[in-house]
Amino acid sequence: MSKGDGVVYQIGQRCWKAGWWLLLWGFVLSFISGTVFAAVGDYELGIALFYFLFGVGVFMLSVAPILIIIGWVVPANPAIQQEREERRARERAQRQEQERERAEQERRKQAAEQGNAEEQFNRGTCFFFGRGVPEDKAEGMRWYRKAAMRGHVEAQYNLGMCYFYGYSVIEDKDEGIKWFCQAAEQGHAKAREELRQMGIN
C-alpha cells in the first residue's frame, strides 16, 4: 500500500465519523431553532436566531451525507482493503497464539498439580523469578520442594543453594547440605563441587 492510500484512508475514516456527528447535531439544531424563536420574545432577534440555527442545521445535514459517502467509498480502495484484511489476519493469529499459550500453561499447571516433577520444577522457576507470573519466592520454593521430593535433580540443587546461602529463605546449612547431597547422588556436578568445598565427599 502506498503512503497516499494510507492518508486517504485516514481522511475517509474521519469523514465517516464527522458525518454522523454533523447529522446528529443538524437534527438537534433544526429542532431547537423553533423553540429559541418562541422563547426570545424579540421578533427580529428571534427570527435571526431561527434562520441562523436552521441554516447551520441544514448545512450540516447537507454535508453529512457527502462525508459519509466518502467514508464508505475511500476505504473500498483495493490496496486499503487488502491492508485491513492483513491486519485482521494478524490480529486473529495473535489471538489464536494467545489462546494456545493459555491452553499450554493450563496443561502444564495441571501436569504439575498431578505430580509431574519436570513441570513442578518449571512452575517453581516461573514463580521464583517472576517469569510469566508475578514473582513469588515462597510459591517458587513450594514447587521446587515438590519437584525435589520426586527426585528432580535441579530442584534439589536449587533448594540446596537457597537453604545453604539463605536465598529467599532463612539460612539453614543442614537443610542445604541435605539437598546438595541428594543432588550429588544423582551426579549433579555443581552440587558435588559445593560439597567438595565444604570438605564433604
Protein backbone atom coordinates (compact mmCIF):
# COMPACT_ATOMS: atom_id res chain seq x y z
CA MET A 1 0.00 0.00 0.00
CA SER A 2 1.33 3.47 -0.90
CA LYS A 3 1.71 6.33 1.55
CA GLY A 4 -1.07 8.24 -0.21
CA ASP A 5 -3.52 5.39 0.29
CA GLY A 6 -2.86 5.47 3.99
CA VAL A 7 -3.55 9.23 4.23
CA VAL A 8 -6.74 8.97 2.16
CA TYR A 9 -7.91 6.08 4.28
CA GLN A 10 -7.47 8.11 7.46
CA ILE A 11 -9.33 11.08 5.92
CA GLY A 12 -12.16 8.77 4.87
CA GLN A 13 -12.47 7.35 8.36
CA ARG A 14 -12.55 10.81 9.92
CA CYS A 15 -15.12 11.97 7.37
CA TRP A 16 -17.30 8.99 8.26
CA LYS A 17 -17.21 9.83 11.98
CA ALA A 18 -17.62 13.58 11.38
CA GLY A 19 -20.57 12.92 9.08
CA TRP A 20 -22.54 11.15 11.76
CA TRP A 21 -21.80 13.86 14.29
CA LEU A 22 -22.89 16.55 11.82
CA LEU A 23 -26.03 14.58 11.04
CA LEU A 24 -26.90 14.34 14.74
CA TRP A 25 -26.26 17.99 15.52
CA GLY A 26 -28.04 19.09 12.34
CA PHE A 27 -31.25 17.48 13.57
CA VAL A 28 -30.76 18.90 17.06
CA LEU A 29 -30.16 22.47 15.87
CA SER A 30 -33.05 22.34 13.40
CA PHE A 31 -35.35 21.11 16.18
CA ILE A 32 -34.37 23.70 18.80
CA SER A 33 -34.37 26.69 16.42
CA GLY A 34 -38.18 26.97 16.60
CA THR A 35 -38.07 26.74 20.39
CA VAL A 36 -35.48 29.52 20.56
CA PHE A 37 -37.62 31.73 18.29
CA ALA A 38 -40.61 31.33 20.60
CA ALA A 39 -38.64 31.90 23.79
CA VAL A 40 -36.69 35.04 22.81
CA GLY A 41 -39.70 37.34 22.52
CA ASP A 42 -37.81 39.81 20.33
CA TYR A 43 -39.19 39.06 16.87
CA GLU A 44 -36.20 40.32 14.89
CA LEU A 45 -33.62 38.63 17.13
CA GLY A 46 -35.73 35.50 17.26
CA ILE A 47 -36.13 35.28 13.51
CA ALA A 48 -32.37 35.91 13.08
CA LEU A 49 -31.52 33.11 15.51
CA PHE A 50 -34.08 30.90 13.84
CA TYR A 51 -32.56 31.37 10.39
CA PHE A 52 -29.03 31.06 11.74
CA LEU A 53 -29.62 27.83 13.67
CA PHE A 54 -31.83 26.40 10.97
CA GLY A 55 -29.24 27.28 8.34
CA VAL A 56 -26.42 25.64 10.30
CA GLY A 57 -28.58 22.55 10.75
CA VAL A 58 -29.41 22.37 7.06
CA PHE A 59 -25.75 22.86 6.18
CA MET A 60 -24.77 20.02 8.49
CA LEU A 61 -27.45 17.79 7.06
CA SER A 62 -26.24 18.62 3.56
CA VAL A 63 -22.57 17.99 4.29
CA ALA A 64 -23.06 14.86 6.38
CA PRO A 65 -24.18 12.55 3.53
CA ILE A 66 -21.22 13.63 1.41
CA LEU A 67 -18.78 12.90 4.21
CA ILE A 68 -20.47 9.61 4.98
CA ILE A 69 -20.28 8.56 1.33
CA ILE A 70 -16.59 9.48 1.24
CA GLY A 71 -16.11 7.44 4.38
CA TRP A 72 -17.70 4.45 2.66
CA VAL A 73 -16.04 4.82 -0.72
CA VAL A 74 -12.46 5.63 0.25
CA PRO A 75 -11.87 2.52 2.38
CA ALA A 76 -13.11 0.45 -0.56
CA ASN A 77 -9.76 1.06 -2.29
CA PRO A 78 -8.37 -2.44 -3.05
CA ALA A 79 -4.98 -1.69 -1.51
CA ILE A 80 -6.60 -0.42 1.65
CA GLN A 81 -8.97 -3.36 1.81
CA GLN A 82 -6.01 -5.71 1.47
CA GLU A 83 -4.19 -3.97 4.29
CA ARG A 84 -7.28 -4.21 6.50
CA GLU A 85 -7.64 -7.91 5.74
CA GLU A 86 -3.97 -8.49 6.50
CA ARG A 87 -4.29 -6.60 9.78
CA ARG A 88 -7.34 -8.64 10.74
CA ALA A 89 -5.49 -11.84 9.85
CA ARG A 90 -2.57 -10.79 12.06
CA GLU A 91 -4.95 -9.99 14.91
CA ARG A 92 -6.66 -13.38 14.51
CA ALA A 93 -3.27 -15.10 14.50
CA GLN A 94 -2.25 -13.23 17.65
CA ARG A 95 -5.48 -14.20 19.40
CA GLN A 96 -5.03 -17.83 18.38
CA GLU A 97 -1.43 -17.78 19.62
CA GLN A 98 -2.54 -16.30 22.94
CA GLU A 99 -5.22 -18.97 23.25
CA ARG A 100 -2.64 -21.69 22.52
CA GLU A 101 -0.32 -20.22 25.15
CA ARG A 102 -3.10 -20.12 27.73
CA ALA A 103 -4.04 -23.71 26.91
CA GLU A 104 -0.40 -24.79 27.18
CA GLN A 105 0.01 -23.01 30.51
CA GLU A 106 -3.13 -24.67 31.82
CA ARG A 107 -1.91 -28.07 30.62
CA ARG A 108 1.46 -27.59 32.34
CA LYS A 109 -0.23 -26.38 35.51
CA GLN A 110 -2.43 -29.47 35.62
CA ALA A 111 0.59 -31.69 34.95
CA ALA A 112 2.44 -30.07 37.84
CA GLU A 113 -0.53 -30.49 40.17
CA GLN A 114 -0.77 -34.15 39.13
CA GLY A 115 2.83 -34.79 40.17
CA ASN A 116 4.95 -34.25 37.04
CA ALA A 117 8.34 -33.37 38.54
CA GLU A 118 9.63 -31.51 35.48
CA GLU A 119 6.55 -29.31 35.33
CA GLN A 120 6.71 -28.75 39.07
CA PHE A 121 10.30 -27.57 38.65
CA ASN A 122 9.32 -25.30 35.73
CA ARG A 123 6.46 -23.85 37.73
CA GLY A 124 8.79 -23.24 40.64
CA THR A 125 11.20 -21.39 38.35
CA CYS A 126 8.38 -19.25 36.95
CA PHE A 127 7.24 -18.13 40.37
CA PHE A 128 10.74 -17.80 41.84
CA PHE A 129 11.97 -15.49 39.08
CA GLY A 130 8.63 -13.97 38.02
CA ARG A 131 8.59 -15.42 34.52
CA GLY A 132 5.10 -15.00 33.10
CA VAL A 133 3.61 -14.70 36.60
CA PRO A 134 4.06 -12.27 39.49
CA GLU A 135 7.25 -13.09 41.37
CA ASP A 136 6.56 -15.16 44.48
CA LYS A 137 9.64 -16.69 46.10
CA ALA A 138 7.64 -18.68 48.63
CA GLU A 139 5.45 -20.21 45.93
CA GLY A 140 8.53 -20.94 43.85
CA MET A 141 10.16 -22.73 46.79
CA ARG A 142 6.99 -24.73 47.36
CA TRP A 143 7.06 -26.05 43.80
CA TYR A 144 10.82 -26.67 43.96
CA ARG A 145 10.28 -28.77 47.06
CA LYS A 146 7.53 -30.79 45.39
CA ALA A 147 9.80 -31.48 42.41
CA ALA A 148 12.82 -32.22 44.63
CA MET A 149 10.87 -34.75 46.67
CA ARG A 150 10.08 -36.53 43.40
CA GLY A 151 13.78 -36.73 42.60
CA HIS A 152 14.21 -33.75 40.28
CA VAL A 153 17.95 -33.09 40.50
CA GLU A 154 17.90 -29.39 39.54
CA ALA A 155 15.17 -28.71 42.07
CA GLN A 156 17.26 -30.45 44.72
CA TYR A 157 20.29 -28.35 43.83
CA ASN A 158 18.24 -25.13 43.84
CA LEU A 159 16.84 -25.94 47.26
CA GLY A 160 20.36 -26.63 48.49
CA MET A 161 21.53 -23.22 47.26
CA CYS A 162 18.55 -21.41 48.75
CA TYR A 163 18.83 -23.00 52.19
CA PHE A 164 22.62 -23.09 52.46
CA TYR A 165 23.13 -19.46 51.44
CA GLY A 166 19.82 -18.08 52.70
CA TYR A 167 18.44 -17.10 49.32
CA SER A 168 14.82 -16.00 49.93
CA VAL A 169 14.57 -18.27 53.00
CA ILE A 170 16.04 -18.35 56.48
CA GLU A 171 19.54 -19.78 56.18
CA ASP A 172 19.69 -23.44 57.19
CA LYS A 173 23.06 -25.06 56.46
CA ASP A 174 21.94 -28.57 57.39
CA GLU A 175 18.89 -28.38 55.13
CA GLY A 176 21.05 -27.04 52.32
CA ILE A 177 23.61 -29.82 52.70
CA LYS A 178 20.82 -32.40 52.70
CA TRP A 179 19.59 -31.25 49.30
CA PHE A 180 23.13 -30.89 47.93
CA CYS A 181 23.79 -34.50 48.91
CA GLN A 182 20.64 -35.74 47.20
CA ALA A 183 21.54 -33.84 44.02
CA ALA A 184 25.16 -35.06 44.18
CA GLU A 185 23.99 -38.66 44.48
CA GLN A 186 22.34 -38.21 41.08
CA GLY A 187 25.55 -36.88 39.60
CA HIS A 188 24.92 -33.14 39.75
CA ALA A 189 28.35 -31.59 39.19
CA LYS A 190 27.66 -28.25 40.85
CA ALA A 191 26.20 -29.92 43.92
CA ARG A 192 29.29 -32.13 44.19
CA GLU A 193 31.50 -29.04 43.93
CA GLU A 194 29.57 -27.33 46.72
CA LEU A 195 30.07 -30.37 48.94
CA ARG A 196 33.75 -30.64 47.97
CA GLN A 197 34.33 -27.06 49.06
CA MET A 198 32.74 -27.91 52.40
CA GLY A 199 35.03 -30.92 52.73
CA ILE A 200 32.16 -33.36 52.32
CA ASN A 201 32.75 -36.29 49.97
